[in-house]
Amino acid sequence: MTSVLVFLDHPAASLAKSERELLSLAASLGEVSVALADEAGQAYLDGVGSYGVQRYYRPEDAAVSDVLVAGKAAFLAEAVRASGAGIVLLGNSYESKEIAARTGIRLDSGVITDVVSLEGDLTATKSDFAGSYTVHCRVTTGVTILTVKPNSFEAVEAGLPSSPEEVRVAVELPRAAARITGRVEKPVSGRPELTEARVIVAGGRGVDGDFGPLEDLADALGGAVGASRAATDAGWIEHSAQIGQTGKTVSPQLYISAGISGAIQQKAGMQTSKVIVAINKDADSPIFEIADFGIVGDLTTVLPQATEEIRKRGL
């Protein structure tokens, strides 16, 4: 049976939705083990074990977590060698993609990023050139290393909690690697993580500094709030909310675009969304070219009406 190694970074109190998706995908491909760069609590490990994972790998040197991506790539490469994995799965954050690339170099293996579907022969589907092309590709050299977009695969229901066996891996850290000197906790919003959210309400220049109507709609739908670069550069919302070519890439079930023109840089980060609803006063905005549903109107009028109707129906 094929051995599959899942790289899980930044363990929390419990498994995140995207992590459950990775473990579910891995289980459909072969025998699963996990590489954990950071310390994890027992509840988290029990959650990992509930997906059939018998073994997880940890670096002997805790300093791996204090080194930027180079240290984690060194650890992941050693974990692949120790596990004998033929397939490696990671998340799709910028950090994860860089770790995948560096690991690929260390293992002389092929890497495919932004995977949204996977065939039985490991042919992956992804979007390239800001979504202009849908590409089907397959790794032909070494270990197959894939970074997977959240919401692309269903997370199956977990089994009974079970504690997997720990295996320590010796890692030689790069001497010239950049090191982390401090960390600041991100304020908790109560909304889902942007890259994992099934519903996203995103605003751009057209919100004119007021994200209130978007936040109300997002809360009514149990979704997250995103933004274009114009909105984050203007200081209307934090930069971590930016979606696009220079921001986060998302693929929710429902993406509501409000007051965003839909330039190619914005499309690059969201056009693999399953359903796209666009709201803009300009009927000629490029966003309508990729929208499944379009509303030509003022978002300050449209969004409150939508929120009211959703709450009235108890959706």
C-alpha atoms as a PDB file:
ATOM      1  CA  MET A   1       0.000   0.000   0.000  1.00  0.00           C
ATOM      2  CA  THR A   2       1.186   3.523  -0.807  1.00  0.00           C
ATOM      3  CA  SER A   3       2.474   5.475   2.186  1.00  0.00           C
ATOM      4  CA  VAL A   4       1.089   9.015   2.448  1.00  0.00           C
ATOM      5  CA  LEU A   5       2.622  11.686   4.700  1.00  0.00           C
ATOM      6  CA  VAL A   6       0.531  14.716   5.698  1.00  0.00           C
ATOM      7  CA  PHE A   7       2.381  17.806   6.912  1.00  0.00           C
ATOM      8  CA  LEU A   8       0.423  19.603   9.651  1.00  0.00           C
ATOM      9  CA  ASP A   9       1.757  22.957  10.799  1.00  0.00           C
ATOM     10  CA  HIS A  10       0.638  25.128  13.757  1.00  0.00           C
ATOM     11  CA  PRO A  11      -1.427  22.535  15.694  1.00  0.00           C
ATOM     12  CA  ALA A  12      -4.318  24.099  17.629  1.00  0.00           C
ATOM     13  CA  ALA A  13      -6.651  22.752  20.318  1.00  0.00           C
ATOM     14  CA  SER A  14      -8.378  20.590  17.700  1.00  0.00           C
ATOM     15  CA  LEU A  15      -8.078  19.747  14.016  1.00  0.00           C
ATOM     16  CA  ALA A  16      -9.002  22.556  11.627  1.00  0.00           C
ATOM     17  CA  LYS A  17     -11.390  21.831   8.771  1.00  0.00           C
ATOM     18  CA  SER A  18      -8.603  22.020   6.164  1.00  0.00           C
ATOM     19  CA  GLU A  19      -6.548  19.528   8.200  1.00  0.00           C
ATOM     20  CA  ARG A  20      -9.469  17.104   8.317  1.00  0.00           C
ATOM     21  CA  GLU A  21      -9.778  17.455   4.539  1.00  0.00           C
ATOM     22  CA  LEU A  22      -6.078  16.629   4.071  1.00  0.00           C
ATOM     23  CA  LEU A  23      -6.307  13.575   6.323  1.00  0.00           C
ATOM     24  CA  SER A  24      -9.451  12.380   4.541  1.00  0.00           C
ATOM     25  CA  LEU A  25      -7.807  12.764   1.132  1.00  0.00           C
ATOM     26  CA  ALA A  26      -4.694  10.983   2.377  1.00  0.00           C
ATOM     27  CA  ALA A  27      -6.746   8.058   3.695  1.00  0.00           C
ATOM     28  CA  SER A  28      -8.261   7.607   0.225  1.00  0.00           C
ATOM     29  CA  LEU A  29      -4.766   7.329  -1.260  1.00  0.00           C
ATOM     30  CA  GLY A  30      -3.020   4.930   1.095  1.00  0.00           C
ATOM     31  CA  GLU A  31      -1.655   4.368   4.597  1.00  0.00           C
ATOM     32  CA  VAL A  32      -1.419   7.723   6.397  1.00  0.00           C
ATOM     33  CA  SER A  33       1.214   9.128   8.723  1.00  0.00           C
ATOM     34  CA  VAL A  34       1.678  12.719   9.841  1.00  0.00           C
ATOM     35  CA  ALA A  35       4.610  15.127  10.159  1.00  0.00           C
ATOM     36  CA  LEU A  36       4.113  17.676  12.972  1.00  0.00           C
ATOM     37  CA  ALA A  37       6.530  20.603  13.058  1.00  0.00           C
ATOM     38  CA  ASP A  38       5.207  21.938  16.392  1.00  0.00           C
ATOM     39  CA  GLU A  39       4.179  20.462  19.727  1.00  0.00           C
ATOM     40  CA  ALA A  40       0.580  19.290  19.864  1.00  0.00           C
ATOM     41  CA  GLY A  41      -1.779  18.612  22.758  1.00  0.00           C
ATOM     42  CA  GLN A  42      -3.302  15.206  23.458  1.00  0.00           C
ATOM     43  CA  ALA A  43      -6.735  16.216  22.150  1.00  0.00           C
ATOM     44  CA  TYR A  44      -5.191  17.232  18.826  1.00  0.00           C
ATOM     45  CA  LEU A  45      -3.218  13.981  18.588  1.00  0.00           C
ATOM     46  CA  ASP A  46      -6.339  11.967  19.403  1.00  0.00           C
ATOM     47  CA  GLY A  47      -8.073  13.823  16.568  1.00  0.00           C
ATOM     48  CA  VAL A  48      -5.256  12.901  14.192  1.00  0.00           C
ATOM     49  CA  GLY A  49      -5.522   9.277  15.296  1.00  0.00           C
ATOM     50  CA  SER A  50      -9.272   9.268  14.700  1.00  0.00           C
ATOM     51  CA  TYR A  51      -8.484   9.419  10.964  1.00  0.00           C
ATOM     52  CA  GLY A  52      -6.580   6.153  11.107  1.00  0.00           C
ATOM     53  CA  VAL A  53      -3.122   7.637  11.599  1.00  0.00           C
ATOM     54  CA  GLN A  54      -0.913   5.157  13.458  1.00  0.00           C
ATOM     55  CA  ARG A  55       2.291   7.189  13.543  1.00  0.00           C
ATOM     56  CA  TYR A  56       3.387  10.811  13.599  1.00  0.00           C
ATOM     57  CA  TYR A  57       6.849  12.285  13.156  1.00  0.00           C
ATOM     58  CA  ARG A  58       8.326  15.102  15.248  1.00  0.00           C
ATOM     59  CA  PRO A  59      11.728  16.794  15.018  1.00  0.00           C
ATOM     60  CA  GLU A  60      14.185  15.992  17.817  1.00  0.00           C
ATOM     61  CA  ASP A  61      15.232  19.648  17.886  1.00  0.00           C
ATOM     62  CA  ALA A  62      12.395  21.925  19.037  1.00  0.00           C
ATOM     63  CA  ALA A  63      14.243  24.840  17.393  1.00  0.00           C
ATOM     64  CA  VAL A  64      12.723  23.788  14.047  1.00  0.00           C
ATOM     65  CA  SER A  65       9.691  25.909  14.943  1.00  0.00           C
ATOM     66  CA  ASP A  66      11.902  28.932  15.573  1.00  0.00           C
ATOM     67  CA  VAL A  67      13.358  28.827  12.074  1.00  0.00           C
ATOM     68  CA  LEU A  68      11.363  30.039   9.091  1.00  0.00           C
ATOM     69  CA  VAL A  69      10.385  27.697   6.248  1.00  0.00           C
ATOM     70  CA  ALA A  70      13.914  26.346   5.678  1.00  0.00           C
ATOM     71  CA  GLY A  71      13.899  24.510   9.015  1.00  0.00           C
ATOM     72  CA  LYS A  72      10.459  23.005   8.445  1.00  0.00           C
ATOM     73  CA  ALA A  73      11.444  21.900   4.944  1.00  0.00           C
ATOM     74  CA  ALA A  74      14.534  20.178   6.356  1.00  0.00           C
ATOM     75  CA  PHE A  75      12.350  18.382   8.898  1.00  0.00           C
ATOM     76  CA  LEU A  76       9.709  17.379   6.339  1.00  0.00           C
ATOM     77  CA  ALA A  77      12.363  15.944   4.015  1.00  0.00           C
ATOM     78  CA  GLU A  78      13.751  13.803   6.847  1.00  0.00           C
ATOM     79  CA  ALA A  79      10.236  12.716   7.826  1.00  0.00           C
ATOM     80  CA  VAL A  80       9.586  11.605   4.231  1.00  0.00           C
ATOM     81  CA  ARG A  81      12.774   9.529   4.280  1.00  0.00           C
ATOM     82  CA  ALA A  82      11.925   8.026   7.670  1.00  0.00           C
ATOM     83  CA  SER A  83       8.351   7.136   6.667  1.00  0.00           C
ATOM     84  CA  GLY A  84       9.145   5.972   3.141  1.00  0.00           C
ATOM     85  CA  ALA A  85       6.210   8.057   1.883  1.00  0.00           C
ATOM     86  CA  GLY A  86       5.467   8.106  -1.823  1.00  0.00           C
ATOM     87  CA  ILE A  87       2.979  10.967  -1.527  1.00  0.00           C
ATOM     88  CA  VAL A  88       3.235  14.123   0.602  1.00  0.00           C
ATOM     89  CA  LEU A  89       0.247  16.429   1.208  1.00  0.00           C
ATOM     90  CA  LEU A  90       0.390  19.975   2.576  1.00  0.00           C
ATOM     91  CA  GLY A  91      -1.999  22.894   2.942  1.00  0.00           C
ATOM     92  CA  ASN A  92      -1.991  25.689   0.398  1.00  0.00           C
ATOM     93  CA  SER A  93      -0.803  28.714   2.392  1.00  0.00           C
ATOM     94  CA  TYR A  94       2.170  30.663   1.055  1.00  0.00           C
ATOM     95  CA  GLU A  95       4.283  29.166   3.833  1.00  0.00           C
ATOM     96  CA  SER A  96       3.191  25.624   2.994  1.00  0.00           C
ATOM     97  CA  LYS A  97       3.905  26.134  -0.701  1.00  0.00           C
ATOM     98  CA  GLU A  98       7.411  27.348   0.053  1.00  0.00           C
ATOM     99  CA  ILE A  99       8.001  24.413   2.404  1.00  0.00           C
ATOM    100  CA  ALA A 100       6.816  22.079  -0.374  1.00  0.00           C
ATOM    101  CA  ALA A 101       9.164  23.682  -2.900  1.00  0.00           C
ATOM    102  CA  ARG A 102      12.192  23.468  -0.601  1.00  0.00           C
ATOM    103  CA  THR A 103      11.325  19.879   0.292  1.00  0.00           C
ATOM    104  CA  GLY A 104      11.058  19.026  -3.388  1.00  0.00           C
ATOM    105  CA  ILE A 105      14.589  20.326  -3.954  1.00  0.00           C
ATOM    106  CA  ARG A 106      15.941  18.318  -1.013  1.00  0.00           C
ATOM    107  CA  LEU A 107      14.267  15.132  -2.268  1.00  0.00           C
ATOM    108  CA  ASP A 108      14.761  15.774  -5.998  1.00  0.00           C
ATOM    109  CA  SER A 109      11.010  15.423  -6.380  1.00  0.00           C
ATOM    110  CA  GLY A 110       8.211  17.128  -8.272  1.00  0.00           C
ATOM    111  CA  VAL A 111       5.840  19.589  -6.610  1.00  0.00           C
ATOM    112  CA  ILE A 112       2.318  20.629  -7.663  1.00  0.00           C
ATOM    113  CA  THR A 113       0.636  23.527  -5.855  1.00  0.00           C
ATOM    114  CA  ASP A 114      -2.972  24.784  -5.749  1.00  0.00           C
ATOM    115  CA  VAL A 115      -4.485  21.324  -6.289  1.00  0.00           C
ATOM    116  CA  VAL A 116      -8.298  21.314  -6.457  1.00  0.00           C
ATOM    117  CA  SER A 117      -8.926  17.716  -7.564  1.00  0.00           C
ATOM    118  CA  LEU A 118      -6.948  14.501  -7.845  1.00  0.00           C
ATOM    119  CA  GLU A 119      -7.445  11.406  -9.991  1.00  0.00           C
ATOM    120  CA  GLY A 120      -6.574   7.868  -8.969  1.00  0.00           C
ATOM    121  CA  ASP A 121      -3.329   7.977 -10.966  1.00  0.00           C
ATOM    122  CA  LEU A 122      -2.387  11.188  -9.067  1.00  0.00           C
ATOM    123  CA  THR A 123      -3.150  13.468 -12.008  1.00  0.00           C
ATOM    124  CA  ALA A 124      -3.879  16.791 -10.322  1.00  0.00           C
ATOM    125  CA  THR A 125      -6.108  19.621 -11.531  1.00  0.00           C
ATOM    126  CA  LYS A 126      -5.115  23.234 -10.808  1.00  0.00           C
ATOM    127  CA  SER A 127      -5.584  26.743 -12.199  1.00  0.00           C
ATOM    128  CA  ASP A 128      -2.663  28.658 -13.707  1.00  0.00           C
ATOM    129  CA  PHE A 129      -1.939  32.198 -14.866  1.00  0.00           C
ATOM    130  CA  ALA A 130      -4.474  33.846 -12.596  1.00  0.00           C
ATOM    131  CA  GLY A 131      -7.101  31.263 -13.468  1.00  0.00           C
ATOM    132  CA  SER A 132      -6.788  31.723 -17.219  1.00  0.00           C
ATOM    133  CA  TYR A 133      -6.077  28.017 -17.712  1.00  0.00           C
ATOM    134  CA  THR A 134      -7.147  24.790 -16.037  1.00  0.00           C
ATOM    135  CA  VAL A 135      -4.149  22.475 -15.985  1.00  0.00           C
ATOM    136  CA  HIS A 136      -3.933  18.715 -15.512  1.00  0.00           C
ATOM    137  CA  CYS A 137      -0.493  17.582 -14.368  1.00  0.00           C
ATOM    138  CA  ARG A 138       1.282  14.718 -12.639  1.00  0.00           C
ATOM    139  CA  VAL A 139       4.579  14.347 -10.823  1.00  0.00           C
ATOM    140  CA  THR A 140       6.944  12.027 -12.704  1.00  0.00           C
ATOM    141  CA  THR A 141      10.117  12.409 -10.608  1.00  0.00           C
ATOM    142  CA  GLY A 142      10.652  11.183  -7.069  1.00  0.00           C
ATOM    143  CA  VAL A 143       8.008  11.637  -4.371  1.00  0.00           C
ATOM    144  CA  THR A 144       4.692  13.253  -5.312  1.00  0.00           C
ATOM    145  CA  ILE A 145       4.415  16.484  -3.284  1.00  0.00           C
ATOM    146  CA  LEU A 146       1.067  18.299  -3.436  1.00  0.00           C
ATOM    147  CA  THR A 147      -0.331  21.409  -1.778  1.00  0.00           C
ATOM    148  CA  VAL A 148      -4.117  21.250  -1.640  1.00  0.00           C
ATOM    149  CA  LYS A 149      -6.592  24.123  -1.660  1.00  0.00           C
ATOM    150  CA  PRO A 150      -9.086  24.100   1.233  1.00  0.00           C
ATOM    151  CA  ASN A 151     -12.706  23.192   0.376  1.00  0.00           C
ATOM    152  CA  SER A 152     -11.559  21.098  -2.595  1.00  0.00           C
ATOM    153  CA  PHE A 153     -12.091  17.711  -0.917  1.00  0.00           C
ATOM    154  CA  GLU A 154     -14.739  16.583   1.553  1.00  0.00           C
ATOM    155  CA  ALA A 155     -13.684  15.855   5.118  1.00  0.00           C
ATOM    156  CA  VAL A 156     -15.084  12.463   6.075  1.00  0.00           C
ATOM    157  CA  GLU A 157     -16.426  11.842   9.555  1.00  0.00           C
ATOM    158  CA  ALA A 158     -13.733  11.014  12.082  1.00  0.00           C
ATOM    159  CA  GLY A 159     -13.601   7.663  13.836  1.00  0.00           C
ATOM    160  CA  LEU A 160     -12.930   7.009  17.514  1.00  0.00           C
ATOM    161  CA  PRO A 161     -10.145   9.075  19.125  1.00  0.00           C
ATOM    162  CA  SER A 162      -6.846   7.224  19.109  1.00  0.00           C
ATOM    163  CA  SER A 163      -3.341   8.289  20.091  1.00  0.00           C
ATOM    164  CA  PRO A 164      -0.773   7.613  17.333  1.00  0.00           C
ATOM    165  CA  GLU A 165       2.801   6.565  18.055  1.00  0.00           C
ATOM    166  CA  GLU A 166       5.439   9.318  18.121  1.00  0.00           C
ATOM    167  CA  VAL A 167       8.643   8.943  16.099  1.00  0.00           C
ATOM    168  CA  ARG A 168      11.425  11.480  16.584  1.00  0.00           C
ATOM    169  CA  VAL A 169      13.457  12.569  13.558  1.00  0.00           C
ATOM    170  CA  ALA A 170      16.940  14.084  13.661  1.00  0.00           C
ATOM    171  CA  VAL A 171      17.104  17.309  11.654  1.00  0.00           C
ATOM    172  CA  GLU A 172      20.134  19.376  10.693  1.00  0.00           C
ATOM    173  CA  LEU A 173      18.969  22.979  10.590  1.00  0.00           C
ATOM    174  CA  PRO A 174      20.359  25.314   7.907  1.00  0.00           C
ATOM    175  CA  ARG A 175      22.921  27.633   9.476  1.00  0.00           C
ATOM    176  CA  ALA A 176      21.928  30.682   7.429  1.00  0.00           C
ATOM    177  CA  ALA A 177      18.180  30.307   7.955  1.00  0.00           C
ATOM    178  CA  ALA A 178      16.142  33.290   9.172  1.00  0.00           C
ATOM    179  CA  ARG A 179      14.905  32.864  12.739  1.00  0.00           C
ATOM    180  CA  ILE A 180      11.707  34.003  14.469  1.00  0.00           C
ATOM    181  CA  THR A 181      12.397  36.524  17.231  1.00  0.00           C
ATOM    182  CA  GLY A 182       8.853  37.083  18.469  1.00  0.00           C
ATOM    183  CA  ARG A 183       5.195  36.208  17.987  1.00  0.00           C
ATOM    184  CA  VAL A 184       1.993  38.207  18.450  1.00  0.00           C
ATOM    185  CA  GLU A 185      -1.388  36.512  18.852  1.00  0.00           C
ATOM    186  CA  LYS A 186      -3.933  37.425  16.189  1.00  0.00           C
ATOM    187  CA  PRO A 187      -7.192  38.818  17.653  1.00  0.00           C
ATOM    188  CA  VAL A 188     -10.036  36.292  17.570  1.00  0.00           C
ATOM    189  CA  SER A 189     -12.937  37.437  15.362  1.00  0.00           C
ATOM    190  CA  GLY A 190     -15.291  34.513  15.942  1.00  0.00           C
ATOM    191  CA  ARG A 191     -15.499  33.973  12.184  1.00  0.00           C
ATOM    192  CA  PRO A 192     -13.979  31.019  10.309  1.00  0.00           C
ATOM    193  CA  GLU A 193     -10.460  31.232   8.901  1.00  0.00           C
ATOM    194  CA  LEU A 194     -10.587  32.953   5.506  1.00  0.00           C
ATOM    195  CA  THR A 195      -8.927  30.149   3.545  1.00  0.00           C
ATOM    196  CA  GLU A 196     -11.192  27.521   5.130  1.00  0.00           C
ATOM    197  CA  ALA A 197     -14.537  29.352   5.067  1.00  0.00           C
ATOM    198  CA  ARG A 198     -17.358  27.834   3.022  1.00  0.00           C
ATOM    199  CA  VAL A 199     -18.865  31.320   2.596  1.00  0.00           C
ATOM    200  CA  ILE A 200     -16.901  34.547   2.032  1.00  0.00           C
ATOM    201  CA  VAL A 201     -18.237  38.076   1.690  1.00  0.00           C
ATOM    202  CA  ALA A 202     -15.524  40.279   0.185  1.00  0.00           C
ATOM    203  CA  GLY A 203     -15.422  44.038  -0.275  1.00  0.00           C
ATOM    204  CA  GLY A 204     -13.342  46.411  -2.357  1.00  0.00           C
ATOM    205  CA  ARG A 205     -13.020  50.062  -3.150  1.00  0.00           C
ATOM    206  CA  GLY A 206     -16.807  50.321  -3.486  1.00  0.00           C
ATOM    207  CA  VAL A 207     -17.408  49.822   0.265  1.00  0.00           C
ATOM    208  CA  ASP A 208     -15.900  53.279   0.828  1.00  0.00           C
ATOM    209  CA  GLY A 209     -14.430  52.311   4.191  1.00  0.00           C
ATOM    210  CA  ASP A 210     -17.566  50.737   5.693  1.00  0.00           C
ATOM    211  CA  PHE A 211     -17.347  46.955   6.061  1.00  0.00           C
ATOM    212  CA  GLY A 212     -20.327  46.857   8.453  1.00  0.00           C
ATOM    213  CA  PRO A 213     -22.906  45.591   5.909  1.00  0.00           C
ATOM    214  CA  LEU A 214     -20.454  42.904   4.739  1.00  0.00           C
ATOM    215  CA  GLU A 215     -19.745  41.755   8.284  1.00  0.00           C
ATOM    216  CA  ASP A 216     -23.481  41.555   9.023  1.00  0.00           C
ATOM    217  CA  LEU A 217     -24.097  39.391   5.959  1.00  0.00           C
ATOM    218  CA  ALA A 218     -21.070  37.205   6.664  1.00  0.00           C
ATOM    219  CA  ASP A 219     -22.256  36.624  10.239  1.00  0.00           C
ATOM    220  CA  ALA A 220     -25.760  35.764   9.055  1.00  0.00           C
ATOM    221  CA  LEU A 221     -24.269  33.151   6.717  1.00  0.00           C
ATOM    222  CA  GLY A 222     -21.622  31.888   9.151  1.00  0.00           C
ATOM    223  CA  GLY A 223     -18.916  33.078   6.785  1.00  0.00           C
ATOM    224  CA  ALA A 224     -15.694  35.070   6.693  1.00  0.00           C
ATOM    225  CA  VAL A 225     -14.963  38.606   5.505  1.00  0.00           C
ATOM    226  CA  GLY A 226     -12.377  39.228   2.791  1.00  0.00           C
ATOM    227  CA  ALA A 227     -11.167  42.234   0.829  1.00  0.00           C
ATOM    228  CA  SER A 228      -9.393  43.427  -2.274  1.00  0.00           C
ATOM    229  CA  ARG A 229      -5.935  44.974  -2.108  1.00  0.00           C
ATOM    230  CA  ALA A 230      -7.425  48.444  -2.588  1.00  0.00           C
ATOM    231  CA  ALA A 231      -9.448  48.040   0.614  1.00  0.00           C
ATOM    232  CA  THR A 232      -6.551  46.717   2.702  1.00  0.00           C
ATOM    233  CA  ASP A 233      -4.116  49.337   1.372  1.00  0.00           C
ATOM    234  CA  ALA A 234      -6.624  52.034   2.350  1.00  0.00           C
ATOM    235  CA  GLY A 235      -6.538  50.699   5.919  1.00  0.00           C
ATOM    236  CA  TRP A 236     -10.238  49.813   5.997  1.00  0.00           C
ATOM    237  CA  ILE A 237      -9.493  46.213   7.035  1.00  0.00           C
ATOM    238  CA  GLU A 238      -6.406  44.237   8.075  1.00  0.00           C
ATOM    239  CA  HIS A 239      -4.050  42.945   5.372  1.00  0.00           C
ATOM    240  CA  SER A 240      -4.689  39.347   6.456  1.00  0.00           C
ATOM    241  CA  ALA A 241      -8.132  39.695   4.820  1.00  0.00           C
ATOM    242  CA  GLN A 242      -6.672  40.371   1.367  1.00  0.00           C
ATOM    243  CA  ILE A 243      -7.696  37.985  -1.405  1.00  0.00           C
ATOM    244  CA  GLY A 244      -5.957  37.942  -4.755  1.00  0.00           C
ATOM    245  CA  GLN A 245      -2.667  37.440  -6.549  1.00  0.00           C
ATOM    246  CA  THR A 246      -0.702  39.126  -3.739  1.00  0.00           C
ATOM    247  CA  GLY A 247      -3.061  37.980  -0.981  1.00  0.00           C
ATOM    248  CA  LYS A 248      -4.766  34.728  -0.038  1.00  0.00           C
ATOM    249  CA  THR A 249      -6.207  32.221  -2.463  1.00  0.00           C
ATOM    250  CA  VAL A 250      -9.653  30.956  -1.500  1.00  0.00           C
ATOM    251  CA  SER A 251     -12.108  28.426  -2.879  1.00  0.00           C
ATOM    252  CA  PRO A 252     -15.356  28.629  -0.866  1.00  0.00           C
ATOM    253  CA  GLN A 253     -18.719  27.157  -1.759  1.00  0.00           C
ATOM    254  CA  LEU A 254     -20.129  30.707  -1.974  1.00  0.00           C
ATOM    255  CA  TYR A 255     -18.172  33.892  -2.699  1.00  0.00           C
ATOM    256  CA  ILE A 256     -20.030  37.204  -2.540  1.00  0.00           C
ATOM    257  CA  SER A 257     -18.134  40.082  -4.125  1.00  0.00           C
ATOM    258  CA  ALA A 258     -19.336  43.559  -3.114  1.00  0.00           C
ATOM    259  CA  GLY A 259     -17.897  46.710  -4.617  1.00  0.00           C
ATOM    260  CA  ILE A 260     -14.960  44.906  -6.273  1.00  0.00           C
ATOM    261  CA  SER A 261     -14.274  45.571  -9.940  1.00  0.00           C
ATOM    262  CA  GLY A 262     -12.783  42.130 -10.553  1.00  0.00           C
ATOM    263  CA  ALA A 263      -9.368  42.958 -11.990  1.00  0.00           C
ATOM    264  CA  ILE A 264      -7.263  39.936 -12.926  1.00  0.00           C
ATOM    265  CA  GLN A 265      -5.220  40.221  -9.716  1.00  0.00           C
ATOM    266  CA  GLN A 266      -8.413  39.765  -7.658  1.00  0.00           C
ATOM    267  CA  LYS A 267      -9.727  36.956  -9.866  1.00  0.00           C
ATOM    268  CA  ALA A 268      -6.510  35.002  -9.300  1.00  0.00           C
ATOM    269  CA  GLY A 269      -7.400  34.528  -5.664  1.00  0.00           C
ATOM    270  CA  MET A 270     -11.067  33.524  -5.861  1.00  0.00           C
ATOM    271  CA  GLN A 271     -12.308  32.324  -9.215  1.00  0.00           C
ATOM    272  CA  THR A 272     -12.212  28.637  -8.260  1.00  0.00           C
ATOM    273  CA  SER A 273     -15.083  29.408  -5.860  1.00  0.00           C
ATOM    274  CA  LYS A 274     -18.042  27.097  -6.503  1.00  0.00           C
ATOM    275  CA  VAL A 275     -20.665  29.886  -6.744  1.00  0.00           C
ATOM    276  CA  ILE A 276     -19.800  33.568  -7.268  1.00  0.00           C
ATOM    277  CA  VAL A 277     -22.289  36.361  -6.614  1.00  0.00           C
ATOM    278  CA  ALA A 278     -21.220  39.856  -7.702  1.00  0.00           C
ATOM    279  CA  ILE A 279     -22.713  43.165  -6.521  1.00  0.00           C
ATOM    280  CA  ASN A 280     -21.510  46.331  -8.247  1.00  0.00           C
ATOM    281  CA  LYS A 281     -22.990  49.640  -9.392  1.00  0.00           C
ATOM    282  CA  ASP A 282     -21.035  49.431 -12.663  1.00  0.00           C
ATOM    283  CA  ALA A 283     -22.694  46.977 -15.044  1.00  0.00           C
ATOM    284  CA  ASP A 284     -19.463  46.771 -17.072  1.00  0.00           C
ATOM    285  CA  SER A 285     -17.264  45.625 -14.175  1.00  0.00           C
ATOM    286  CA  PRO A 286     -15.061  42.628 -15.124  1.00  0.00           C
ATOM    287  CA  ILE A 287     -16.316  40.711 -12.084  1.00  0.00           C
ATOM    288  CA  PHE A 288     -19.594  40.028 -13.902  1.00  0.00           C
ATOM    289  CA  GLU A 289     -17.680  38.015 -16.525  1.00  0.00           C
ATOM    290  CA  ILE A 290     -17.006  35.222 -14.026  1.00  0.00           C
ATOM    291  CA  ALA A 291     -20.003  35.638 -11.716  1.00  0.00           C
ATOM    292  CA  ASP A 292     -22.717  32.980 -11.598  1.00  0.00           C
ATOM    293  CA  PHE A 293     -25.175  35.632 -10.387  1.00  0.00           C
ATOM    294  CA  GLY A 294     -24.818  39.394 -10.783  1.00  0.00           C
ATOM    295  CA  ILE A 295     -26.625  42.291  -9.142  1.00  0.00           C
ATOM    296  CA  VAL A 296     -26.186  45.786 -10.547  1.00  0.00           C
ATOM    297  CA  GLY A 297     -26.882  48.021  -7.569  1.00  0.00           C
ATOM    298  CA  ASP A 298     -25.603  49.858  -4.522  1.00  0.00           C
ATOM    299  CA  LEU A 299     -24.132  47.404  -1.995  1.00  0.00           C
ATOM    300  CA  THR A 300     -25.297  49.591   0.912  1.00  0.00           C
ATOM    301  CA  THR A 301     -28.865  48.851  -0.214  1.00  0.00           C
ATOM    302  CA  VAL A 302     -28.482  45.288  -1.502  1.00  0.00           C
ATOM    303  CA  LEU A 303     -26.512  43.749   1.377  1.00  0.00           C
ATOM    304  CA  PRO A 304     -28.791  44.835   4.255  1.00  0.00           C
ATOM    305  CA  GLN A 305     -31.824  43.547   2.332  1.00  0.00           C
ATOM    306  CA  ALA A 306     -30.081  40.192   1.771  1.00  0.00           C
ATOM    307  CA  THR A 307     -29.061  39.969   5.430  1.00  0.00           C
ATOM    308  CA  GLU A 308     -32.581  40.744   6.622  1.00  0.00           C
ATOM    309  CA  GLU A 309     -34.118  38.147   4.327  1.00  0.00           C
ATOM    310  CA  ILE A 310     -31.589  35.461   5.365  1.00  0.00           C
ATOM    311  CA  ARG A 311     -32.225  36.079   9.058  1.00  0.00           C
ATOM    312  CA  LYS A 312     -35.994  36.123   8.481  1.00  0.00           C
ATOM    313  CA  ARG A 313     -35.797  32.700   6.847  1.00  0.00           C
ATOM    314  CA  GLY A 314     -33.476  31.368   9.546  1.00  0.00           C
ATOM    315  CA  LEU A 315     -30.910  30.267   6.971  1.00  0.00           C
END
